[in-house]
Amino acid sequence: MLTKENYLGKITITDNYIKSLVYRTVAGCFGVAGMKSCTFGEYVFGELLGLKTDGMGVRIISKNDELVVNLHISVTYGTNIAAVVRSVKNKVEFALTEYAGVPVNSVNVYVDSIKE
């Protein structure tokens, strides 16, 4: 959960909003066939380290009031994987900065599978 303060007052941005925004942004990217959820081992490891994780394939880590976003995606067979990853990174960073007003440290995209 992130809290921002401006001349209008205090604004709280929940983790669910950030994950939902990222998920919808990635789902609309060309070449993305789907999001991969983390494995049970990754879930347990994430819970032990206090990482925010769920079944959407989106992991959010907050560092010094900046976000680190880890995404696990599946790409469509025949698409340029490097171009898809670059597009996803740019769109996610833009969405978080423009719509949520949250500074982004990095967006890490992991291609877990290729689907036809």
PDB file of N, CA and C in Angstrom:
ATOM      1  N   MET A   1       0.838  -1.164   0.000  1.00  0.00           N
ATOM      2  CA  MET A   1       0.000   0.000   0.000  1.00  0.00           C
ATOM      3  C   MET A   1       0.894   1.241   0.000  1.00  0.00           C
ATOM      4  N   LEU A   2       0.626   2.146  -0.915  1.00  0.00           N
ATOM      5  CA  LEU A   2       1.397   3.379  -1.027  1.00  0.00           C
ATOM      6  C   LEU A   2       0.536   4.558  -0.613  1.00  0.00           C
ATOM      7  N   THR A   3       1.137   5.500   0.071  1.00  0.00           N
ATOM      8  CA  THR A   3       0.422   6.695   0.494  1.00  0.00           C
ATOM      9  C   THR A   3       1.133   7.919  -0.054  1.00  0.00           C
ATOM     10  N   LYS A   4       0.366   8.783  -0.685  1.00  0.00           N
ATOM     11  CA  LYS A   4       0.885  10.034  -1.231  1.00  0.00           C
ATOM     12  C   LYS A   4       0.130  11.175  -0.567  1.00  0.00           C
ATOM     13  N   GLU A   5       0.809  12.291  -0.421  1.00  0.00           N
ATOM     14  CA  GLU A   5       0.157  13.453   0.157  1.00  0.00           C
ATOM     15  C   GLU A   5       0.381  14.640  -0.773  1.00  0.00           C
ATOM     16  N   ASN A   6      -0.705  15.371  -1.044  1.00  0.00           N
ATOM     17  CA  ASN A   6      -0.601  16.581  -1.849  1.00  0.00           C
ATOM     18  C   ASN A   6      -1.499  17.658  -1.249  1.00  0.00           C
ATOM     19  N   TYR A   7      -1.720  18.737  -1.989  1.00  0.00           N
ATOM     20  CA  TYR A   7      -2.500  19.851  -1.457  1.00  0.00           C
ATOM     21  C   TYR A   7      -3.970  19.491  -1.229  1.00  0.00           C
ATOM     22  N   LEU A   8      -4.456  18.443  -1.865  1.00  0.00           N
ATOM     23  CA  LEU A   8      -5.837  18.011  -1.666  1.00  0.00           C
ATOM     24  C   LEU A   8      -6.004  17.116  -0.445  1.00  0.00           C
ATOM     25  N   GLY A   9      -4.928  16.526   0.009  1.00  0.00           N
ATOM     26  CA  GLY A   9      -4.994  15.630   1.160  1.00  0.00           C
ATOM     27  C   GLY A   9      -4.162  14.384   0.945  1.00  0.00           C
ATOM     28  N   LYS A  10      -4.561  13.332   1.648  1.00  0.00           N
ATOM     29  CA  LYS A  10      -3.823  12.075   1.634  1.00  0.00           C
ATOM     30  C   LYS A  10      -4.478  11.098   0.657  1.00  0.00           C
ATOM     31  N   ILE A  11      -3.657  10.468  -0.171  1.00  0.00           N
ATOM     32  CA  ILE A  11      -4.153   9.501  -1.150  1.00  0.00           C
ATOM     33  C   ILE A  11      -3.490   8.160  -0.867  1.00  0.00           C
ATOM     34  N   THR A  12      -4.305   7.129  -0.730  1.00  0.00           N
ATOM     35  CA  THR A  12      -3.796   5.784  -0.494  1.00  0.00           C
ATOM     36  C   THR A  12      -4.074   4.928  -1.721  1.00  0.00           C
ATOM     37  N   ILE A  13      -3.030   4.303  -2.239  1.00  0.00           N
ATOM     38  CA  ILE A  13      -3.150   3.428  -3.406  1.00  0.00           C
ATOM     39  C   ILE A  13      -2.905   2.005  -2.931  1.00  0.00           C
ATOM     40  N   THR A  14      -3.902   1.146  -3.091  1.00  0.00           N
ATOM     41  CA  THR A  14      -3.793  -0.220  -2.584  1.00  0.00           C
ATOM     42  C   THR A  14      -3.008  -1.106  -3.550  1.00  0.00           C
ATOM     43  N   ASP A  15      -2.489  -2.183  -3.002  1.00  0.00           N
ATOM     44  CA  ASP A  15      -1.753  -3.159  -3.808  1.00  0.00           C
ATOM     45  C   ASP A  15      -2.659  -3.802  -4.850  1.00  0.00           C
ATOM     46  N   ASN A  16      -3.924  -4.041  -4.480  1.00  0.00           N
ATOM     47  CA  ASN A  16      -4.856  -4.658  -5.428  1.00  0.00           C
ATOM     48  C   ASN A  16      -5.084  -3.767  -6.645  1.00  0.00           C
ATOM     49  N   TYR A  17      -5.160  -2.444  -6.421  1.00  0.00           N
ATOM     50  CA  TYR A  17      -5.329  -1.530  -7.550  1.00  0.00           C
ATOM     51  C   TYR A  17      -4.116  -1.595  -8.477  1.00  0.00           C
ATOM     52  N   ILE A  18      -2.929  -1.583  -7.896  1.00  0.00           N
ATOM     53  CA  ILE A  18      -1.703  -1.618  -8.697  1.00  0.00           C
ATOM     54  C   ILE A  18      -1.625  -2.914  -9.496  1.00  0.00           C
ATOM     55  N   LYS A  19      -1.917  -4.048  -8.849  1.00  0.00           N
ATOM     56  CA  LYS A  19      -1.881  -5.337  -9.548  1.00  0.00           C
ATOM     57  C   LYS A  19      -2.920  -5.391 -10.657  1.00  0.00           C
ATOM     58  N   SER A  20      -4.111  -4.882 -10.375  1.00  0.00           N
ATOM     59  CA  SER A  20      -5.171  -4.880 -11.373  1.00  0.00           C
ATOM     60  C   SER A  20      -4.799  -4.000 -12.565  1.00  0.00           C
ATOM     61  N   LEU A  21      -4.226  -2.842 -12.294  1.00  0.00           N
ATOM     62  CA  LEU A  21      -3.796  -1.940 -13.361  1.00  0.00           C
ATOM     63  C   LEU A  21      -2.720  -2.593 -14.224  1.00  0.00           C
ATOM     64  N   VAL A  22      -1.758  -3.223 -13.588  1.00  0.00           N
ATOM     65  CA  VAL A  22      -0.684  -3.902 -14.322  1.00  0.00           C
ATOM     66  C   VAL A  22      -1.255  -5.058 -15.139  1.00  0.00           C
ATOM     67  N   TYR A  23      -2.132  -5.857 -14.533  1.00  0.00           N
ATOM     68  CA  TYR A  23      -2.716  -7.009 -15.220  1.00  0.00           C
ATOM     69  C   TYR A  23      -3.493  -6.570 -16.464  1.00  0.00           C
ATOM     70  N   ARG A  24      -4.312  -5.545 -16.320  1.00  0.00           N
ATOM     71  CA  ARG A  24      -5.107  -5.069 -17.459  1.00  0.00           C
ATOM     72  C   ARG A  24      -4.226  -4.474 -18.550  1.00  0.00           C
ATOM     73  N   THR A  25      -3.174  -3.802 -18.142  1.00  0.00           N
ATOM     74  CA  THR A  25      -2.246  -3.224 -19.117  1.00  0.00           C
ATOM     75  C   THR A  25      -1.548  -4.319 -19.912  1.00  0.00           C
ATOM     76  N   VAL A  26      -1.063  -5.335 -19.221  1.00  0.00           N
ATOM     77  CA  VAL A  26      -0.350  -6.432 -19.891  1.00  0.00           C
ATOM     78  C   VAL A  26      -1.300  -7.229 -20.778  1.00  0.00           C
ATOM     79  N   ALA A  27      -2.524  -7.446 -20.314  1.00  0.00           N
ATOM     80  CA  ALA A  27      -3.496  -8.218 -21.091  1.00  0.00           C
ATOM     81  C   ALA A  27      -3.813  -7.544 -22.422  1.00  0.00           C
ATOM     82  N   GLY A  28      -3.668  -6.226 -22.485  1.00  0.00           N
ATOM     83  CA  GLY A  28      -3.948  -5.495 -23.711  1.00  0.00           C
ATOM     84  C   GLY A  28      -2.767  -5.363 -24.651  1.00  0.00           C
ATOM     85  N   CYS A  29      -1.637  -5.915 -24.299  1.00  0.00           N
ATOM     86  CA  CYS A  29      -0.432  -5.807 -25.134  1.00  0.00           C
ATOM     87  C   CYS A  29      -0.447  -6.849 -26.251  1.00  0.00           C
ATOM     88  N   PHE A  30      -0.027  -6.439 -27.438  1.00  0.00           N
ATOM     89  CA  PHE A  30       0.060  -7.344 -28.577  1.00  0.00           C
ATOM     90  C   PHE A  30       1.115  -8.408 -28.310  1.00  0.00           C
ATOM     91  N   GLY A  31       0.770  -9.656 -28.602  1.00  0.00           N
ATOM     92  CA  GLY A  31       1.712 -10.754 -28.464  1.00  0.00           C
ATOM     93  C   GLY A  31       1.670 -11.471 -27.133  1.00  0.00           C
ATOM     94  N   VAL A  32       0.939 -10.923 -26.167  1.00  0.00           N
ATOM     95  CA  VAL A  32       0.832 -11.577 -24.860  1.00  0.00           C
ATOM     96  C   VAL A  32      -0.342 -12.546 -24.906  1.00  0.00           C
ATOM     97  N   ALA A  33      -0.057 -13.826 -24.700  1.00  0.00           N
ATOM     98  CA  ALA A  33      -1.095 -14.856 -24.740  1.00  0.00           C
ATOM     99  C   ALA A  33      -1.735 -15.066 -23.374  1.00  0.00           C
ATOM    100  N   GLY A  34      -1.068 -14.642 -22.326  1.00  0.00           N
ATOM    101  CA  GLY A  34      -1.621 -14.810 -20.984  1.00  0.00           C
ATOM    102  C   GLY A  34      -0.583 -14.506 -19.924  1.00  0.00           C
ATOM    103  N   MET A  35      -1.047 -14.543 -18.698  1.00  0.00           N
ATOM    104  CA  MET A  35      -0.174 -14.325 -17.546  1.00  0.00           C
ATOM    105  C   MET A  35      -0.013 -15.657 -16.841  1.00  0.00           C
ATOM    106  N   LYS A  36       1.194 -15.907 -16.358  1.00  0.00           N
ATOM    107  CA  LYS A  36       1.472 -17.145 -15.637  1.00  0.00           C
ATOM    108  C   LYS A  36       1.473 -16.854 -14.150  1.00  0.00           C
ATOM    109  N   SER A  37       0.781 -17.682 -13.402  1.00  0.00           N
ATOM    110  CA  SER A  37       0.830 -17.530 -11.953  1.00  0.00           C
ATOM    111  C   SER A  37       2.095 -18.192 -11.433  1.00  0.00           C
ATOM    112  N   CYS A  38       2.476 -17.814 -10.245  1.00  0.00           N
ATOM    113  CA  CYS A  38       3.700 -18.373  -9.673  1.00  0.00           C
ATOM    114  C   CYS A  38       3.447 -19.800  -9.180  1.00  0.00           C
ATOM    115  N   THR A  39       4.511 -20.543  -9.019  1.00  0.00           N
ATOM    116  CA  THR A  39       4.412 -21.904  -8.511  1.00  0.00           C
ATOM    117  C   THR A  39       4.208 -21.873  -7.000  1.00  0.00           C
ATOM    118  N   PHE A  40       3.862 -23.008  -6.432  1.00  0.00           N
ATOM    119  CA  PHE A  40       3.656 -23.080  -4.989  1.00  0.00           C
ATOM    120  C   PHE A  40       4.932 -22.719  -4.236  1.00  0.00           C
ATOM    121  N   GLY A  41       6.073 -23.192  -4.734  1.00  0.00           N
ATOM    122  CA  GLY A  41       7.356 -22.883  -4.097  1.00  0.00           C
ATOM    123  C   GLY A  41       7.654 -21.392  -4.114  1.00  0.00           C
ATOM    124  N   GLU A  42       7.371 -20.738  -5.257  1.00  0.00           N
ATOM    125  CA  GLU A  42       7.569 -19.293  -5.339  1.00  0.00           C
ATOM    126  C   GLU A  42       6.630 -18.556  -4.394  1.00  0.00           C
ATOM    127  N   TYR A  43       5.401 -19.071  -4.271  1.00  0.00           N
ATOM    128  CA  TYR A  43       4.433 -18.449  -3.368  1.00  0.00           C
ATOM    129  C   TYR A  43       4.919 -18.517  -1.922  1.00  0.00           C
ATOM    130  N   VAL A  44       5.359 -19.693  -1.486  1.00  0.00           N
ATOM    131  CA  VAL A  44       5.845 -19.868  -0.110  1.00  0.00           C
ATOM    132  C   VAL A  44       7.085 -19.011   0.117  1.00  0.00           C
ATOM    133  N   PHE A  45       8.016 -19.033  -0.833  1.00  0.00           N
ATOM    134  CA  PHE A  45       9.232 -18.232  -0.728  1.00  0.00           C
ATOM    135  C   PHE A  45       8.887 -16.740  -0.647  1.00  0.00           C
ATOM    136  N   GLY A  46       7.938 -16.305  -1.464  1.00  0.00           N
ATOM    137  CA  GLY A  46       7.504 -14.907  -1.451  1.00  0.00           C
ATOM    138  C   GLY A  46       6.856 -14.509  -0.143  1.00  0.00           C
ATOM    139  N   GLU A  47       6.055 -15.422   0.417  1.00  0.00           N
ATOM    140  CA  GLU A  47       5.418 -15.130   1.703  1.00  0.00           C
ATOM    141  C   GLU A  47       6.454 -15.023   2.815  1.00  0.00           C
ATOM    142  N   LEU A  48       7.466 -15.872   2.783  1.00  0.00           N
ATOM    143  CA  LEU A  48       8.513 -15.820   3.805  1.00  0.00           C
ATOM    144  C   LEU A  48       9.311 -14.522   3.728  1.00  0.00           C
ATOM    145  N   LEU A  49       9.528 -14.026   2.511  1.00  0.00           N
ATOM    146  CA  LEU A  49      10.292 -12.790   2.338  1.00  0.00           C
ATOM    147  C   LEU A  49       9.421 -11.540   2.391  1.00  0.00           C
ATOM    148  N   GLY A  50       8.116 -11.735   2.500  1.00  0.00           N
ATOM    149  CA  GLY A  50       7.216 -10.590   2.563  1.00  0.00           C
ATOM    150  C   GLY A  50       6.929  -9.960   1.215  1.00  0.00           C
ATOM    151  N   LEU A  51       7.118 -10.709   0.123  1.00  0.00           N
ATOM    152  CA  LEU A  51       6.818 -10.197  -1.206  1.00  0.00           C
ATOM    153  C   LEU A  51       5.331 -10.340  -1.466  1.00  0.00           C
ATOM    154  N   LYS A  52       4.759  -9.352  -2.128  1.00  0.00           N
ATOM    155  CA  LYS A  52       3.338  -9.401  -2.440  1.00  0.00           C
ATOM    156  C   LYS A  52       3.168 -10.206  -3.723  1.00  0.00           C
ATOM    157  N   THR A  53       2.488 -11.324  -3.629  1.00  0.00           N
ATOM    158  CA  THR A  53       2.321 -12.182  -4.797  1.00  0.00           C
ATOM    159  C   THR A  53       0.908 -12.757  -4.806  1.00  0.00           C
ATOM    160  N   ASP A  54       0.425 -13.089  -5.969  1.00  0.00           N
ATOM    161  CA  ASP A  54      -0.877 -13.738  -6.081  1.00  0.00           C
ATOM    162  C   ASP A  54      -0.891 -14.572  -7.346  1.00  0.00           C
ATOM    163  N   GLY A  55      -2.064 -15.005  -7.752  1.00  0.00           N
ATOM    164  CA  GLY A  55      -2.162 -15.894  -8.889  1.00  0.00           C
ATOM    165  C   GLY A  55      -2.184 -15.225 -10.241  1.00  0.00           C
ATOM    166  N   MET A  56      -2.005 -13.919 -10.322  1.00  0.00           N
ATOM    167  CA  MET A  56      -2.122 -13.223 -11.596  1.00  0.00           C
ATOM    168  C   MET A  56      -0.820 -13.151 -12.373  1.00  0.00           C
ATOM    169  N   GLY A  57       0.273 -13.611 -11.827  1.00  0.00           N
ATOM    170  CA  GLY A  57       1.544 -13.496 -12.514  1.00  0.00           C
ATOM    171  C   GLY A  57       2.200 -12.146 -12.318  1.00  0.00           C
ATOM    172  N   VAL A  58       1.726 -11.391 -11.329  1.00  0.00           N
ATOM    173  CA  VAL A  58       2.250 -10.059 -11.036  1.00  0.00           C
ATOM    174  C   VAL A  58       2.806 -10.063  -9.626  1.00  0.00           C
ATOM    175  N   ARG A  59       4.050  -9.658  -9.476  1.00  0.00           N
ATOM    176  CA  ARG A  59       4.649  -9.523  -8.144  1.00  0.00           C
ATOM    177  C   ARG A  59       5.140  -8.086  -8.002  1.00  0.00           C
ATOM    178  N   ILE A  60       4.717  -7.426  -6.927  1.00  0.00           N
ATOM    179  CA  ILE A  60       5.062  -6.032  -6.676  1.00  0.00           C
ATOM    180  C   ILE A  60       5.980  -5.960  -5.466  1.00  0.00           C
ATOM    181  N   ILE A  61       7.104  -5.271  -5.616  1.00  0.00           N
ATOM    182  CA  ILE A  61       8.020  -5.037  -4.500  1.00  0.00           C
ATOM    183  C   ILE A  61       8.197  -3.528  -4.384  1.00  0.00           C
ATOM    184  N   SER A  62       8.030  -3.001  -3.183  1.00  0.00           N
ATOM    185  CA  SER A  62       8.186  -1.566  -2.958  1.00  0.00           C
ATOM    186  C   SER A  62       9.550  -1.293  -2.341  1.00  0.00           C
ATOM    187  N   LYS A  63      10.350  -0.466  -3.042  1.00  0.00           N
ATOM    188  CA  LYS A  63      11.684  -0.098  -2.559  1.00  0.00           C
ATOM    189  C   LYS A  63      11.809   1.418  -2.563  1.00  0.00           C
ATOM    190  N   ASN A  64      12.001   2.002  -1.405  1.00  0.00           N
ATOM    191  CA  ASN A  64      12.215   3.451  -1.285  1.00  0.00           C
ATOM    192  C   ASN A  64      11.150   4.251  -2.031  1.00  0.00           C
ATOM    193  N   ASP A  65       9.889   3.925  -1.809  1.00  0.00           N
ATOM    194  CA  ASP A  65       8.748   4.588  -2.447  1.00  0.00           C
ATOM    195  C   ASP A  65       8.739   4.457  -3.969  1.00  0.00           C
ATOM    196  N   GLU A  66       9.457   3.477  -4.496  1.00  0.00           N
ATOM    197  CA  GLU A  66       9.407   3.147  -5.912  1.00  0.00           C
ATOM    198  C   GLU A  66       9.049   1.675  -6.039  1.00  0.00           C
ATOM    199  N   LEU A  67       8.419   1.332  -7.150  1.00  0.00           N
ATOM    200  CA  LEU A  67       7.984  -0.044  -7.343  1.00  0.00           C
ATOM    201  C   LEU A  67       8.941  -0.818  -8.240  1.00  0.00           C
ATOM    202  N   VAL A  68       9.106  -2.079  -7.892  1.00  0.00           N
ATOM    203  CA  VAL A  68       9.751  -3.051  -8.769  1.00  0.00           C
ATOM    204  C   VAL A  68       8.655  -4.046  -9.131  1.00  0.00           C
ATOM    205  N   VAL A  69       8.385  -4.191 -10.413  1.00  0.00           N
ATOM    206  CA  VAL A  69       7.299  -5.046 -10.887  1.00  0.00           C
ATOM    207  C   VAL A  69       7.905  -6.249 -11.597  1.00  0.00           C
ATOM    208  N   ASN A  70       7.537  -7.445 -11.151  1.00  0.00           N
ATOM    209  CA  ASN A  70       7.960  -8.689 -11.795  1.00  0.00           C
ATOM    210  C   ASN A  70       6.741  -9.326 -12.446  1.00  0.00           C
ATOM    211  N   LEU A  71       6.838  -9.612 -13.736  1.00  0.00           N
ATOM    212  CA  LEU A  71       5.724 -10.176 -14.500  1.00  0.00           C
ATOM    213  C   LEU A  71       6.131 -11.509 -15.105  1.00  0.00           C
ATOM    214  N   HIS A  72       5.216 -12.458 -15.068  1.00  0.00           N
ATOM    215  CA  HIS A  72       5.414 -13.758 -15.714  1.00  0.00           C
ATOM    216  C   HIS A  72       4.344 -13.887 -16.788  1.00  0.00           C
ATOM    217  N   ILE A  73       4.793 -13.949 -18.055  1.00  0.00           N
ATOM    218  CA  ILE A  73       3.842 -13.957 -19.162  1.00  0.00           C
ATOM    219  C   ILE A  73       4.079 -15.146 -20.087  1.00  0.00           C
ATOM    220  N   SER A  74       3.064 -15.405 -20.904  1.00  0.00           N
ATOM    221  CA  SER A  74       3.167 -16.332 -22.030  1.00  0.00           C
ATOM    222  C   SER A  74       3.015 -15.498 -23.288  1.00  0.00           C
ATOM    223  N   VAL A  75       3.818 -15.781 -24.294  1.00  0.00           N
ATOM    224  CA  VAL A  75       3.727 -15.023 -25.540  1.00  0.00           C
ATOM    225  C   VAL A  75       3.136 -15.897 -26.643  1.00  0.00           C
ATOM    226  N   THR A  76       2.605 -15.233 -27.653  1.00  0.00           N
ATOM    227  CA  THR A  76       2.018 -15.921 -28.794  1.00  0.00           C
ATOM    228  C   THR A  76       3.124 -16.411 -29.724  1.00  0.00           C
ATOM    229  N   TYR A  77       2.990 -17.646 -30.190  1.00  0.00           N
ATOM    230  CA  TYR A  77       3.970 -18.237 -31.105  1.00  0.00           C
ATOM    231  C   TYR A  77       4.078 -17.383 -32.365  1.00  0.00           C
ATOM    232  N   GLY A  78       5.291 -17.115 -32.791  1.00  0.00           N
ATOM    233  CA  GLY A  78       5.516 -16.375 -34.024  1.00  0.00           C
ATOM    234  C   GLY A  78       5.750 -14.887 -33.829  1.00  0.00           C
ATOM    235  N   THR A  79       5.569 -14.395 -32.627  1.00  0.00           N
ATOM    236  CA  THR A  79       5.818 -12.976 -32.387  1.00  0.00           C
ATOM    237  C   THR A  79       7.269 -12.765 -31.965  1.00  0.00           C
ATOM    238  N   ASN A  80       7.740 -11.567 -32.153  1.00  0.00           N
ATOM    239  CA  ASN A  80       9.092 -11.203 -31.759  1.00  0.00           C
ATOM    240  C   ASN A  80       9.100 -11.027 -30.237  1.00  0.00           C
ATOM    241  N   ILE A  81       9.736 -11.946 -29.530  1.00  0.00           N
ATOM    242  CA  ILE A  81       9.693 -11.952 -28.064  1.00  0.00           C
ATOM    243  C   ILE A  81      10.320 -10.685 -27.494  1.00  0.00           C
ATOM    244  N   ALA A  82      11.431 -10.252 -28.048  1.00  0.00           N
ATOM    245  CA  ALA A  82      12.093  -9.044 -27.544  1.00  0.00           C
ATOM    246  C   ALA A  82      11.191  -7.818 -27.698  1.00  0.00           C
ATOM    247  N   ALA A  83      10.471  -7.728 -28.817  1.00  0.00           N
ATOM    248  CA  ALA A  83       9.569  -6.598 -29.041  1.00  0.00           C
ATOM    249  C   ALA A  83       8.385  -6.643 -28.083  1.00  0.00           C
ATOM    250  N   VAL A  84       7.864  -7.843 -27.824  1.00  0.00           N
ATOM    251  CA  VAL A  84       6.744  -7.984 -26.886  1.00  0.00           C
ATOM    252  C   VAL A  84       7.178  -7.565 -25.487  1.00  0.00           C
ATOM    253  N   VAL A  85       8.333  -8.035 -25.052  1.00  0.00           N
ATOM    254  CA  VAL A  85       8.837  -7.694 -23.714  1.00  0.00           C
ATOM    255  C   VAL A  85       9.072  -6.193 -23.601  1.00  0.00           C
ATOM    256  N   ARG A  86       9.676  -5.586 -24.611  1.00  0.00           N
ATOM    257  CA  ARG A  86       9.928  -4.144 -24.605  1.00  0.00           C
ATOM    258  C   ARG A  86       8.613  -3.363 -24.529  1.00  0.00           C
ATOM    259  N   SER A  87       7.618  -3.799 -25.290  1.00  0.00           N
ATOM    260  CA  SER A  87       6.309  -3.152 -25.285  1.00  0.00           C
ATOM    261  C   SER A  87       5.638  -3.265 -23.918  1.00  0.00           C
ATOM    262  N   VAL A  88       5.685  -4.457 -23.325  1.00  0.00           N
ATOM    263  CA  VAL A  88       5.083  -4.674 -22.005  1.00  0.00           C
ATOM    264  C   VAL A  88       5.745  -3.778 -20.969  1.00  0.00           C
ATOM    265  N   LYS A  89       7.066  -3.736 -20.972  1.00  0.00           N
ATOM    266  CA  LYS A  89       7.793  -2.910 -20.001  1.00  0.00           C
ATOM    267  C   LYS A  89       7.413  -1.440 -20.133  1.00  0.00           C
ATOM    268  N   ASN A  90       7.391  -0.932 -21.356  1.00  0.00           N
ATOM    269  CA  ASN A  90       7.064   0.478 -21.572  1.00  0.00           C
ATOM    270  C   ASN A  90       5.632   0.803 -21.175  1.00  0.00           C
ATOM    271  N   LYS A  91       4.690  -0.060 -21.542  1.00  0.00           N
ATOM    272  CA  LYS A  91       3.285   0.206 -21.234  1.00  0.00           C
ATOM    273  C   LYS A  91       2.996   0.126 -19.740  1.00  0.00           C
ATOM    274  N   VAL A  92       3.610  -0.825 -19.048  1.00  0.00           N
ATOM    275  CA  VAL A  92       3.397  -0.951 -17.600  1.00  0.00           C
ATOM    276  C   VAL A  92       3.983   0.254 -16.875  1.00  0.00           C
ATOM    277  N   GLU A  93       5.184   0.650 -17.246  1.00  0.00           N
ATOM    278  CA  GLU A  93       5.799   1.817 -16.603  1.00  0.00           C
ATOM    279  C   GLU A  93       4.970   3.075 -16.853  1.00  0.00           C
ATOM    280  N   PHE A  94       4.487   3.253 -18.080  1.00  0.00           N
ATOM    281  CA  PHE A  94       3.653   4.408 -18.404  1.00  0.00           C
ATOM    282  C   PHE A  94       2.354   4.395 -17.601  1.00  0.00           C
ATOM    283  N   ALA A  95       1.685   3.244 -17.545  1.00  0.00           N
ATOM    284  CA  ALA A  95       0.409   3.148 -16.831  1.00  0.00           C
ATOM    285  C   ALA A  95       0.570   3.462 -15.349  1.00  0.00           C
ATOM    286  N   LEU A  96       1.588   2.910 -14.718  1.00  0.00           N
ATOM    287  CA  LEU A  96       1.788   3.160 -13.290  1.00  0.00           C
ATOM    288  C   LEU A  96       2.152   4.614 -13.015  1.00  0.00           C
ATOM    289  N   THR A  97       2.950   5.200 -13.876  1.00  0.00           N
ATOM    290  CA  THR A  97       3.360   6.590 -13.677  1.00  0.00           C
ATOM    291  C   THR A  97       2.213   7.553 -13.947  1.00  0.00           C
ATOM    292  N   GLU A  98       1.480   7.333 -15.035  1.00  0.00           N
ATOM    293  CA  GLU A  98       0.426   8.262 -15.424  1.00  0.00           C
ATOM    294  C   GLU A  98      -0.879   8.071 -14.657  1.00  0.00           C
ATOM    295  N   TYR A  99      -1.332   6.838 -14.495  1.00  0.00           N
ATOM    296  CA  TYR A  99      -2.638   6.587 -13.885  1.00  0.00           C
ATOM    297  C   TYR A  99      -2.592   6.522 -12.373  1.00  0.00           C
ATOM    298  N   ALA A 100      -1.503   6.010 -11.820  1.00  0.00           N
ATOM    299  CA  ALA A 100      -1.417   5.875 -10.362  1.00  0.00           C
ATOM    300  C   ALA A 100      -0.471   6.899  -9.744  1.00  0.00           C
ATOM    301  N   GLY A 101       0.340   7.555 -10.551  1.00  0.00           N
ATOM    302  CA  GLY A 101       1.283   8.529 -10.025  1.00  0.00           C
ATOM    303  C   GLY A 101       2.372   7.910  -9.175  1.00  0.00           C
ATOM    304  N   VAL A 102       2.711   6.668  -9.484  1.00  0.00           N
ATOM    305  CA  VAL A 102       3.687   5.920  -8.696  1.00  0.00           C
ATOM    306  C   VAL A 102       4.998   5.833  -9.478  1.00  0.00           C
ATOM    307  N   PRO A 103       6.115   6.230  -8.881  1.00  0.00           N
ATOM    308  CA  PRO A 103       7.394   6.080  -9.577  1.00  0.00           C
ATOM    309  C   PRO A 103       7.795   4.605  -9.673  1.00  0.00           C
ATOM    310  N   VAL A 104       8.313   4.226 -10.820  1.00  0.00           N
ATOM    311  CA  VAL A 104       8.682   2.836 -11.067  1.00  0.00           C
ATOM    312  C   VAL A 104      10.203   2.727 -11.148  1.00  0.00           C
ATOM    313  N   ASN A 105      10.764   1.851 -10.341  1.00  0.00           N
ATOM    314  CA  ASN A 105      12.202   1.598 -10.368  1.00  0.00           C
ATOM    315  C   ASN A 105      12.544   0.705 -11.553  1.00  0.00           C
ATOM    316  N   SER A 106      11.831  -0.422 -11.682  1.00  0.00           N
ATOM    317  CA  SER A 106      12.073  -1.321 -12.812  1.00  0.00           C
ATOM    318  C   SER A 106      10.873  -2.228 -13.043  1.00  0.00           C
ATOM    319  N   VAL A 107      10.761  -2.686 -14.280  1.00  0.00           N
ATOM    320  CA  VAL A 107       9.756  -3.675 -14.666  1.00  0.00           C
ATOM    321  C   VAL A 107      10.525  -4.854 -15.247  1.00  0.00           C
ATOM    322  N   ASN A 108      10.411  -6.006 -14.603  1.00  0.00           N
ATOM    323  CA  ASN A 108      11.093  -7.222 -15.050  1.00  0.00           C
ATOM    324  C   ASN A 108      10.061  -8.167 -15.650  1.00  0.00           C
ATOM    325  N   VAL A 109      10.278  -8.570 -16.886  1.00  0.00           N
ATOM    326  CA  VAL A 109       9.337  -9.443 -17.587  1.00  0.00           C
ATOM    327  C   VAL A 109      10.005 -10.789 -17.819  1.00  0.00           C
ATOM    328  N   TYR A 110       9.346 -11.850 -17.365  1.00  0.00           N
ATOM    329  CA  TYR A 110       9.837 -13.215 -17.538  1.00  0.00           C
ATOM    330  C   TYR A 110       8.890 -13.945 -18.479  1.00  0.00           C
ATOM    331  N   VAL A 111       9.408 -14.432 -19.596  1.00  0.00           N
ATOM    332  CA  VAL A 111       8.603 -15.202 -20.547  1.00  0.00           C
ATOM    333  C   VAL A 111       8.705 -16.658 -20.133  1.00  0.00           C
ATOM    334  N   ASP A 112       7.598 -17.199 -19.628  1.00  0.00           N
ATOM    335  CA  ASP A 112       7.583 -18.564 -19.109  1.00  0.00           C
ATOM    336  C   ASP A 112       7.179 -19.601 -20.143  1.00  0.00           C
ATOM    337  N   SER A 113       6.421 -19.189 -21.161  1.00  0.00           N
ATOM    338  CA  SER A 113       6.005 -20.164 -22.165  1.00  0.00           C
ATOM    339  C   SER A 113       5.592 -19.456 -23.450  1.00  0.00           C
ATOM    340  N   ILE A 114       5.456 -20.266 -24.501  1.00  0.00           N
ATOM    341  CA  ILE A 114       4.992 -19.789 -25.796  1.00  0.00           C
ATOM    342  C   ILE A 114       3.749 -20.588 -26.143  1.00  0.00           C
ATOM    343  N   LYS A 115       2.678 -19.890 -26.512  1.00  0.00           N
ATOM    344  CA  LYS A 115       1.415 -20.553 -26.848  1.00  0.00           C
ATOM    345  C   LYS A 115       1.051 -20.279 -28.294  1.00  0.00           C
ATOM    346  N   GLU A 116       0.359 -21.255 -28.887  1.00  0.00           N
ATOM    347  CA  GLU A 116      -0.099 -21.083 -30.269  1.00  0.00           C
ATOM    348  C   GLU A 116      -1.443 -20.429 -30.308  1.00  0.00           C
TER     349      GLU A 116
END
